[in-house]
PDB file of N, CA and C in Angstrom:
ATOM      1  N   UNK A   1      16.197   2.054 -12.715  1.00  0.00           N
ATOM      2  CA  UNK A   1      15.410   1.587 -11.587  1.00  0.00           C
ATOM      3  C   UNK A   1      14.078   2.332 -11.558  1.00  0.00           C
ATOM      4  N   UNK A   2      13.022   1.613 -11.354  1.00  0.00           N
ATOM      5  CA  UNK A   2      11.696   2.199 -11.268  1.00  0.00           C
ATOM      6  C   UNK A   2      11.522   2.902  -9.921  1.00  0.00           C
ATOM      7  N   UNK A   3      10.887   4.038  -9.964  1.00  0.00           N
ATOM      8  CA  UNK A   3      10.595   4.803  -8.752  1.00  0.00           C
ATOM      9  C   UNK A   3       9.160   4.525  -8.311  1.00  0.00           C
ATOM     10  N   UNK A   4       8.868   4.752  -7.056  1.00  0.00           N
ATOM     11  CA  UNK A   4       7.507   4.555  -6.547  1.00  0.00           C
ATOM     12  C   UNK A   4       6.480   5.328  -7.366  1.00  0.00           C
ATOM     13  N   UNK A   5       6.803   6.560  -7.705  1.00  0.00           N
ATOM     14  CA  UNK A   5       5.865   7.422  -8.424  1.00  0.00           C
ATOM     15  C   UNK A   5       5.531   6.873  -9.815  1.00  0.00           C
ATOM     16  N   UNK A   6       6.378   6.012 -10.366  1.00  0.00           N
ATOM     17  CA  UNK A   6       6.165   5.459 -11.696  1.00  0.00           C
ATOM     18  C   UNK A   6       5.246   4.236 -11.705  1.00  0.00           C
ATOM     19  N   UNK A   7       4.914   3.725 -10.541  1.00  0.00           N
ATOM     20  CA  UNK A   7       4.127   2.493 -10.459  1.00  0.00           C
ATOM     21  C   UNK A   7       2.644   2.743 -10.710  1.00  0.00           C
ATOM     22  N   UNK A   8       1.990   1.792 -11.386  1.00  0.00           N
ATOM     23  CA  UNK A   8       0.538   1.893 -11.510  1.00  0.00           C
ATOM     24  C   UNK A   8      -0.075   1.872 -10.113  1.00  0.00           C
ATOM     25  N   UNK A   9      -1.156   2.526  -9.905  1.00  0.00           N
ATOM     26  CA  UNK A   9      -1.892   2.601  -8.648  1.00  0.00           C
ATOM     27  C   UNK A   9      -1.376   3.700  -7.715  1.00  0.00           C
ATOM     28  N   UNK A  10      -0.153   4.167  -7.902  1.00  0.00           N
ATOM     29  CA  UNK A  10       0.406   5.188  -7.018  1.00  0.00           C
ATOM     30  C   UNK A  10       0.616   6.472  -7.796  1.00  0.00           C
ATOM     31  N   UNK A  11       0.393   7.559  -7.141  1.00  0.00           N
ATOM     32  CA  UNK A  11       0.700   8.864  -7.724  1.00  0.00           C
ATOM     33  C   UNK A  11       1.762   9.538  -6.882  1.00  0.00           C
ATOM     34  N   UNK A  12       2.004  10.790  -7.174  1.00  0.00           N
ATOM     35  CA  UNK A  12       3.033  11.541  -6.454  1.00  0.00           C
ATOM     36  C   UNK A  12       2.740  11.631  -4.965  1.00  0.00           C
ATOM     37  N   UNK A  13       1.486  11.830  -4.628  1.00  0.00           N
ATOM     38  CA  UNK A  13       1.108  12.023  -3.233  1.00  0.00           C
ATOM     39  C   UNK A  13       1.366  10.771  -2.400  1.00  0.00           C
ATOM     40  N   UNK A  14       0.888   9.625  -2.854  1.00  0.00           N
ATOM     41  CA  UNK A  14       1.081   8.379  -2.100  1.00  0.00           C
ATOM     42  C   UNK A  14       2.551   7.969  -2.120  1.00  0.00           C
ATOM     43  N   UNK A  15       3.241   8.183  -3.219  1.00  0.00           N
ATOM     44  CA  UNK A  15       4.675   7.884  -3.273  1.00  0.00           C
ATOM     45  C   UNK A  15       5.424   8.705  -2.217  1.00  0.00           C
ATOM     46  N   UNK A  16       5.055   9.969  -2.060  1.00  0.00           N
ATOM     47  CA  UNK A  16       5.686  10.822  -1.045  1.00  0.00           C
ATOM     48  C   UNK A  16       5.349  10.330   0.362  1.00  0.00           C
ATOM     49  N   UNK A  17       4.122   9.874   0.553  1.00  0.00           N
ATOM     50  CA  UNK A  17       3.739   9.348   1.861  1.00  0.00           C
ATOM     51  C   UNK A  17       4.539   8.093   2.198  1.00  0.00           C
ATOM     52  N   UNK A  18       4.729   7.226   1.211  1.00  0.00           N
ATOM     53  CA  UNK A  18       5.518   6.016   1.435  1.00  0.00           C
ATOM     54  C   UNK A  18       6.947   6.366   1.824  1.00  0.00           C
ATOM     55  N   UNK A  19       7.522   7.324   1.130  1.00  0.00           N
ATOM     56  CA  UNK A  19       8.882   7.752   1.470  1.00  0.00           C
ATOM     57  C   UNK A  19       8.927   8.329   2.878  1.00  0.00           C
ATOM     58  N   UNK A  20       7.924   9.085   3.244  1.00  0.00           N
ATOM     59  CA  UNK A  20       7.841   9.652   4.591  1.00  0.00           C
ATOM     60  C   UNK A  20       7.808   8.535   5.638  1.00  0.00           C
ATOM     61  N   UNK A  21       7.195   7.410   5.293  1.00  0.00           N
ATOM     62  CA  UNK A  21       7.100   6.269   6.204  1.00  0.00           C
ATOM     63  C   UNK A  21       8.327   5.362   6.120  1.00  0.00           C
ATOM     64  N   UNK A  22       9.324   5.767   5.329  1.00  0.00           N
ATOM     65  CA  UNK A  22      10.565   5.000   5.254  1.00  0.00           C
ATOM     66  C   UNK A  22      10.580   3.915   4.193  1.00  0.00           C
ATOM     67  N   UNK A  23       9.626   3.955   3.288  1.00  0.00           N
ATOM     68  CA  UNK A  23       9.559   2.978   2.197  1.00  0.00           C
ATOM     69  C   UNK A  23       9.975   3.713   0.933  1.00  0.00           C
ATOM     70  N   UNK A  24      11.205   3.461   0.487  1.00  0.00           N
ATOM     71  CA  UNK A  24      11.776   4.282  -0.568  1.00  0.00           C
ATOM     72  C   UNK A  24      11.839   3.687  -1.946  1.00  0.00           C
ATOM     73  N   UNK A  25      11.444   2.414  -2.091  1.00  0.00           N
ATOM     74  CA  UNK A  25      11.560   1.802  -3.413  1.00  0.00           C
ATOM     75  C   UNK A  25      10.432   0.799  -3.640  1.00  0.00           C
ATOM     76  N   UNK A  26      10.146   0.516  -4.910  1.00  0.00           N
ATOM     77  CA  UNK A  26       9.139  -0.504  -5.213  1.00  0.00           C
ATOM     78  C   UNK A  26       9.514  -1.866  -4.632  1.00  0.00           C
ATOM     79  N   UNK A  27      10.802  -2.180  -4.636  1.00  0.00           N
ATOM     80  CA  UNK A  27      11.253  -3.463  -4.113  1.00  0.00           C
ATOM     81  C   UNK A  27      10.947  -3.586  -2.626  1.00  0.00           C
ATOM     82  N   UNK A  28      11.181  -2.498  -1.898  1.00  0.00           N
ATOM     83  CA  UNK A  28      10.897  -2.514  -0.462  1.00  0.00           C
ATOM     84  C   UNK A  28       9.403  -2.636  -0.210  1.00  0.00           C
ATOM     85  N   UNK A  29       8.600  -1.949  -0.986  1.00  0.00           N
ATOM     86  CA  UNK A  29       7.150  -2.050  -0.848  1.00  0.00           C
ATOM     87  C   UNK A  29       6.695  -3.486  -1.096  1.00  0.00           C
ATOM     88  N   UNK A  30       7.202  -4.107  -2.135  1.00  0.00           N
ATOM     89  CA  UNK A  30       6.820  -5.492  -2.439  1.00  0.00           C
ATOM     90  C   UNK A  30       7.293  -6.448  -1.343  1.00  0.00           C
ATOM     91  N   UNK A  31       8.484  -6.201  -0.813  1.00  0.00           N
ATOM     92  CA  UNK A  31       9.021  -7.064   0.239  1.00  0.00           C
ATOM     93  C   UNK A  31       8.164  -6.969   1.509  1.00  0.00           C
ATOM     94  N   UNK A  32       7.760  -5.768   1.860  1.00  0.00           N
ATOM     95  CA  UNK A  32       6.934  -5.567   3.051  1.00  0.00           C
ATOM     96  C   UNK A  32       5.527  -6.116   2.873  1.00  0.00           C
ATOM     97  N   UNK A  33       4.981  -5.948   1.686  1.00  0.00           N
ATOM     98  CA  UNK A  33       3.590  -6.306   1.438  1.00  0.00           C
ATOM     99  C   UNK A  33       2.682  -5.137   1.765  1.00  0.00           C
ATOM    100  N   UNK A  34       1.492  -5.184   1.247  1.00  0.00           N
ATOM    101  CA  UNK A  34       0.579  -4.042   1.367  1.00  0.00           C
ATOM    102  C   UNK A  34       0.159  -3.754   2.797  1.00  0.00           C
ATOM    103  N   UNK A  35      -0.122  -4.779   3.563  1.00  0.00           N
ATOM    104  CA  UNK A  35      -0.625  -4.554   4.916  1.00  0.00           C
ATOM    105  C   UNK A  35       0.470  -3.966   5.801  1.00  0.00           C
ATOM    106  N   UNK A  36       1.676  -4.523   5.744  1.00  0.00           N
ATOM    107  CA  UNK A  36       2.761  -3.985   6.562  1.00  0.00           C
ATOM    108  C   UNK A  36       3.119  -2.561   6.133  1.00  0.00           C
ATOM    109  N   UNK A  37       3.075  -2.294   4.835  1.00  0.00           N
ATOM    110  CA  UNK A  37       3.321  -0.927   4.364  1.00  0.00           C
ATOM    111  C   UNK A  37       2.249   0.010   4.909  1.00  0.00           C
ATOM    112  N   UNK A  38       1.000  -0.439   4.929  1.00  0.00           N
ATOM    113  CA  UNK A  38      -0.088   0.376   5.472  1.00  0.00           C
ATOM    114  C   UNK A  38       0.095   0.615   6.968  1.00  0.00           C
ATOM    115  N   UNK A  39       0.587  -0.390   7.682  1.00  0.00           N
ATOM    116  CA  UNK A  39       0.869  -0.224   9.108  1.00  0.00           C
ATOM    117  C   UNK A  39       1.921   0.858   9.290  1.00  0.00           C
ATOM    118  N   UNK A  40       2.963   0.820   8.472  1.00  0.00           N
ATOM    119  CA  UNK A  40       4.016   1.844   8.550  1.00  0.00           C
ATOM    120  C   UNK A  40       3.457   3.235   8.270  1.00  0.00           C
ATOM    121  N   UNK A  41       2.588   3.324   7.273  1.00  0.00           N
ATOM    122  CA  UNK A  41       1.965   4.619   6.982  1.00  0.00           C
ATOM    123  C   UNK A  41       1.173   5.108   8.194  1.00  0.00           C
ATOM    124  N   UNK A  42       0.379   4.221   8.775  1.00  0.00           N
ATOM    125  CA  UNK A  42      -0.445   4.591   9.922  1.00  0.00           C
ATOM    126  C   UNK A  42       0.421   5.003  11.115  1.00  0.00           C
ATOM    127  N   UNK A  43       1.549   4.332  11.296  1.00  0.00           N
ATOM    128  CA  UNK A  43       2.465   4.686  12.387  1.00  0.00           C
ATOM    129  C   UNK A  43       3.064   6.082  12.188  1.00  0.00           C
ATOM    130  N   UNK A  44       3.037   6.559  10.952  1.00  0.00           N
ATOM    131  CA  UNK A  44       3.548   7.885  10.617  1.00  0.00           C
ATOM    132  C   UNK A  44       2.403   8.900  10.591  1.00  0.00           C
ATOM    133  N   UNK A  45       1.261   8.517  11.146  1.00  0.00           N
ATOM    134  CA  UNK A  45       0.061   9.363  11.218  1.00  0.00           C
ATOM    135  C   UNK A  45      -0.500   9.701   9.841  1.00  0.00           C
ATOM    136  N   UNK A  46      -0.336   8.769   8.898  1.00  0.00           N
ATOM    137  CA  UNK A  46      -0.903   8.931   7.560  1.00  0.00           C
ATOM    138  C   UNK A  46      -2.137   8.047   7.462  1.00  0.00           C
ATOM    139  N   UNK A  47      -3.248   8.632   7.055  1.00  0.00           N
ATOM    140  CA  UNK A  47      -4.497   7.891   6.930  1.00  0.00           C
ATOM    141  C   UNK A  47      -4.381   6.826   5.843  1.00  0.00           C
ATOM    142  N   UNK A  48      -4.883   5.653   6.147  1.00  0.00           N
ATOM    143  CA  UNK A  48      -4.891   4.558   5.169  1.00  0.00           C
ATOM    144  C   UNK A  48      -6.339   4.134   4.958  1.00  0.00           C
ATOM    145  N   UNK A  49      -6.908   4.600   3.853  1.00  0.00           N
ATOM    146  CA  UNK A  49      -8.270   4.211   3.503  1.00  0.00           C
ATOM    147  C   UNK A  49      -8.233   2.889   2.731  1.00  0.00           C
ATOM    148  N   UNK A  50      -9.389   2.332   2.495  1.00  0.00           N
ATOM    149  CA  UNK A  50      -9.467   1.065   1.771  1.00  0.00           C
ATOM    150  C   UNK A  50      -8.884   1.164   0.367  1.00  0.00           C
ATOM    151  N   UNK A  51      -9.103   2.282  -0.291  1.00  0.00           N
ATOM    152  CA  UNK A  51      -8.575   2.453  -1.652  1.00  0.00           C
ATOM    153  C   UNK A  51      -7.050   2.493  -1.656  1.00  0.00           C
ATOM    154  N   UNK A  52      -6.466   3.156  -0.676  1.00  0.00           N
ATOM    155  CA  UNK A  52      -5.006   3.222  -0.604  1.00  0.00           C
ATOM    156  C   UNK A  52      -4.421   1.838  -0.324  1.00  0.00           C
ATOM    157  N   UNK A  53      -5.037   1.106   0.599  1.00  0.00           N
ATOM    158  CA  UNK A  53      -4.584  -0.246   0.898  1.00  0.00           C
ATOM    159  C   UNK A  53      -4.687  -1.129  -0.346  1.00  0.00           C
ATOM    160  N   UNK A  54      -5.769  -1.008  -1.071  1.00  0.00           N
ATOM    161  CA  UNK A  54      -5.947  -1.785  -2.296  1.00  0.00           C
ATOM    162  C   UNK A  54      -4.931  -1.386  -3.357  1.00  0.00           C
ATOM    163  N   UNK A  55      -4.629  -0.109  -3.442  1.00  0.00           N
ATOM    164  CA  UNK A  55      -3.612   0.356  -4.393  1.00  0.00           C
ATOM    165  C   UNK A  55      -2.257  -0.238  -4.058  1.00  0.00           C
ATOM    166  N   UNK A  56      -1.919  -0.284  -2.772  1.00  0.00           N
ATOM    167  CA  UNK A  56      -0.651  -0.893  -2.361  1.00  0.00           C
ATOM    168  C   UNK A  56      -0.622  -2.375  -2.724  1.00  0.00           C
ATOM    169  N   UNK A  57      -1.733  -3.057  -2.501  1.00  0.00           N
ATOM    170  CA  UNK A  57      -1.812  -4.480  -2.859  1.00  0.00           C
ATOM    171  C   UNK A  57      -1.693  -4.662  -4.363  1.00  0.00           C
ATOM    172  N   UNK A  58      -2.275  -3.760  -5.121  1.00  0.00           N
ATOM    173  CA  UNK A  58      -2.142  -3.820  -6.571  1.00  0.00           C
ATOM    174  C   UNK A  58      -0.695  -3.711  -7.013  1.00  0.00           C
ATOM    175  N   UNK A  59       0.085  -2.874  -6.350  1.00  0.00           N
ATOM    176  CA  UNK A  59       1.514  -2.766  -6.654  1.00  0.00           C
ATOM    177  C   UNK A  59       2.200  -4.088  -6.360  1.00  0.00           C
ATOM    178  N   UNK A  60       1.902  -4.667  -5.201  1.00  0.00           N
ATOM    179  CA  UNK A  60       2.523  -5.938  -4.813  1.00  0.00           C
ATOM    180  C   UNK A  60       2.208  -7.027  -5.837  1.00  0.00           C
ATOM    181  N   UNK A  61       0.973  -7.061  -6.316  1.00  0.00           N
ATOM    182  CA  UNK A  61       0.549  -8.081  -7.282  1.00  0.00           C
ATOM    183  C   UNK A  61       0.838  -7.700  -8.732  1.00  0.00           C
ATOM    184  N   UNK A  62       1.264  -6.477  -8.946  1.00  0.00           N
ATOM    185  CA  UNK A  62       1.525  -5.954 -10.294  1.00  0.00           C
ATOM    186  C   UNK A  62       0.263  -5.957 -11.157  1.00  0.00           C
ATOM    187  N   UNK A  63      -0.842  -5.505 -10.534  1.00  0.00           N
ATOM    188  CA  UNK A  63      -2.111  -5.369 -11.252  1.00  0.00           C
ATOM    189  C   UNK A  63      -2.775  -4.066 -10.812  1.00  0.00           C
ATOM    190  N   UNK A  64      -3.756  -3.611 -11.560  1.00  0.00           N
ATOM    191  CA  UNK A  64      -4.550  -2.464 -11.136  1.00  0.00           C
ATOM    192  C   UNK A  64      -5.384  -2.901  -9.937  1.00  0.00           C
ATOM    193  N   UNK A  65      -5.536  -2.033  -8.973  1.00  0.00           N
ATOM    194  CA  UNK A  65      -6.215  -2.431  -7.746  1.00  0.00           C
ATOM    195  C   UNK A  65      -7.677  -2.778  -7.963  1.00  0.00           C
ATOM    196  N   UNK A  66      -8.280  -2.237  -8.999  1.00  0.00           N
ATOM    197  CA  UNK A  66      -9.685  -2.540  -9.287  1.00  0.00           C
ATOM    198  C   UNK A  66      -9.894  -4.008  -9.642  1.00  0.00           C
ATOM    199  N   UNK A  67      -8.817  -4.689 -10.057  1.00  0.00           N
ATOM    200  CA  UNK A  67      -8.908  -6.100 -10.434  1.00  0.00           C
ATOM    201  C   UNK A  67      -8.885  -7.033  -9.229  1.00  0.00           C
ATOM    202  N   UNK A  68      -8.611  -6.508  -8.068  1.00  0.00           N
ATOM    203  CA  UNK A  68      -8.596  -7.330  -6.855  1.00  0.00           C
ATOM    204  C   UNK A  68     -10.043  -7.547  -6.424  1.00  0.00           C
ATOM    205  N   UNK A  69     -10.455  -8.800  -6.288  1.00  0.00           N
ATOM    206  CA  UNK A  69     -11.848  -9.060  -5.908  1.00  0.00           C
ATOM    207  C   UNK A  69     -12.229  -8.362  -4.591  1.00  0.00           C
ATOM    208  N   UNK A  70     -13.463  -7.941  -4.515  1.00  0.00           N
ATOM    209  CA  UNK A  70     -13.966  -7.202  -3.361  1.00  0.00           C
ATOM    210  C   UNK A  70     -13.727  -7.980  -2.067  1.00  0.00           C
ATOM    211  N   UNK A  71     -13.924  -9.287  -2.103  1.00  0.00           N
ATOM    212  CA  UNK A  71     -13.740 -10.101  -0.900  1.00  0.00           C
ATOM    213  C   UNK A  71     -12.287 -10.056  -0.431  1.00  0.00           C
ATOM    214  N   UNK A  72     -11.357 -10.072  -1.367  1.00  0.00           N
ATOM    215  CA  UNK A  72      -9.940 -10.012  -1.015  1.00  0.00           C
ATOM    216  C   UNK A  72      -9.569  -8.636  -0.466  1.00  0.00           C
ATOM    217  N   UNK A  73     -10.160  -7.599  -1.013  1.00  0.00           N
ATOM    218  CA  UNK A  73      -9.930  -6.252  -0.488  1.00  0.00           C
ATOM    219  C   UNK A  73     -10.456  -6.136   0.944  1.00  0.00           C
ATOM    220  N   UNK A  74     -11.605  -6.736   1.199  1.00  0.00           N
ATOM    221  CA  UNK A  74     -12.166  -6.722   2.551  1.00  0.00           C
ATOM    222  C   UNK A  74     -11.270  -7.501   3.515  1.00  0.00           C
ATOM    223  N   UNK A  75     -10.712  -8.601   3.053  1.00  0.00           N
ATOM    224  CA  UNK A  75      -9.808  -9.396   3.900  1.00  0.00           C
ATOM    225  C   UNK A  75      -8.538  -8.612   4.223  1.00  0.00           C
ATOM    226  N   UNK A  76      -8.028  -7.870   3.256  1.00  0.00           N
ATOM    227  CA  UNK A  76      -6.851  -7.029   3.506  1.00  0.00           C
ATOM    228  C   UNK A  76      -7.161  -5.980   4.569  1.00  0.00           C
ATOM    229  N   UNK A  77      -8.315  -5.362   4.455  1.00  0.00           N
ATOM    230  CA  UNK A  77      -8.722  -4.332   5.416  1.00  0.00           C
ATOM    231  C   UNK A  77      -8.853  -4.938   6.811  1.00  0.00           C
ATOM    232  N   UNK A  78      -9.447  -6.133   6.900  1.00  0.00           N
ATOM    233  CA  UNK A  78      -9.595  -6.808   8.199  1.00  0.00           C
ATOM    234  C   UNK A  78      -8.223  -7.134   8.784  1.00  0.00           C
ATOM    235  N   UNK A  79      -7.297  -7.580   7.949  1.00  0.00           N
ATOM    236  CA  UNK A  79      -5.942  -7.881   8.414  1.00  0.00           C
ATOM    237  C   UNK A  79      -5.260  -6.616   8.930  1.00  0.00           C
ATOM    238  N   UNK A  80      -5.423  -5.518   8.214  1.00  0.00           N
ATOM    239  CA  UNK A  80      -4.843  -4.260   8.647  1.00  0.00           C
ATOM    240  C   UNK A  80      -5.417  -3.831   9.996  1.00  0.00           C
ATOM    241  N   UNK A  81      -6.710  -3.896  10.134  1.00  0.00           N
ATOM    242  CA  UNK A  81      -7.345  -3.493  11.390  1.00  0.00           C
ATOM    243  C   UNK A  81      -6.884  -4.384  12.539  1.00  0.00           C
ATOM    244  N   UNK A  82      -6.712  -5.687  12.294  1.00  0.00           N
ATOM    245  CA  UNK A  82      -6.240  -6.600  13.329  1.00  0.00           C
ATOM    246  C   UNK A  82      -4.819  -6.256  13.757  1.00  0.00           C
ATOM    247  N   UNK A  83      -3.970  -5.895  12.810  1.00  0.00           N
ATOM    248  CA  UNK A  83      -2.578  -5.546  13.132  1.00  0.00           C
ATOM    249  C   UNK A  83      -2.477  -4.217  13.864  1.00  0.00           C
ATOM    250  N   UNK A  84      -3.391  -3.322  13.571  1.00  0.00           N
ATOM    251  CA  UNK A  84      -3.358  -2.003  14.214  1.00  0.00           C
ATOM    252  C   UNK A  84      -3.972  -2.037  15.598  1.00  0.00           C
ATOM    253  N   UNK A  85      -4.697  -3.136  15.897  1.00  0.00           N
ATOM    254  CA  UNK A  85      -5.288  -3.277  17.222  1.00  0.00           C
ATOM    255  C   UNK A  85      -6.549  -2.596  17.315  1.00  0.00           C
TER     256      UNK A  85
END
């Protein structure tokens, strides 16, 4: 089974933050989606910058986050901000 730390876009630090927020596996991260995972991180008082949100989306899409078009990254950020109020 693949661990969070083994995924492209994530390192040890973000993998630990995800676990702290109750997201313990790549499957759970993909099921939640990047925005909901970011909401969970924020609820755990973990800062979610645009790069981290894009990295999470890259995991969900199974691509490097740099390949996500800028407009789509901006839309993800807007969705996150709307959910956080």
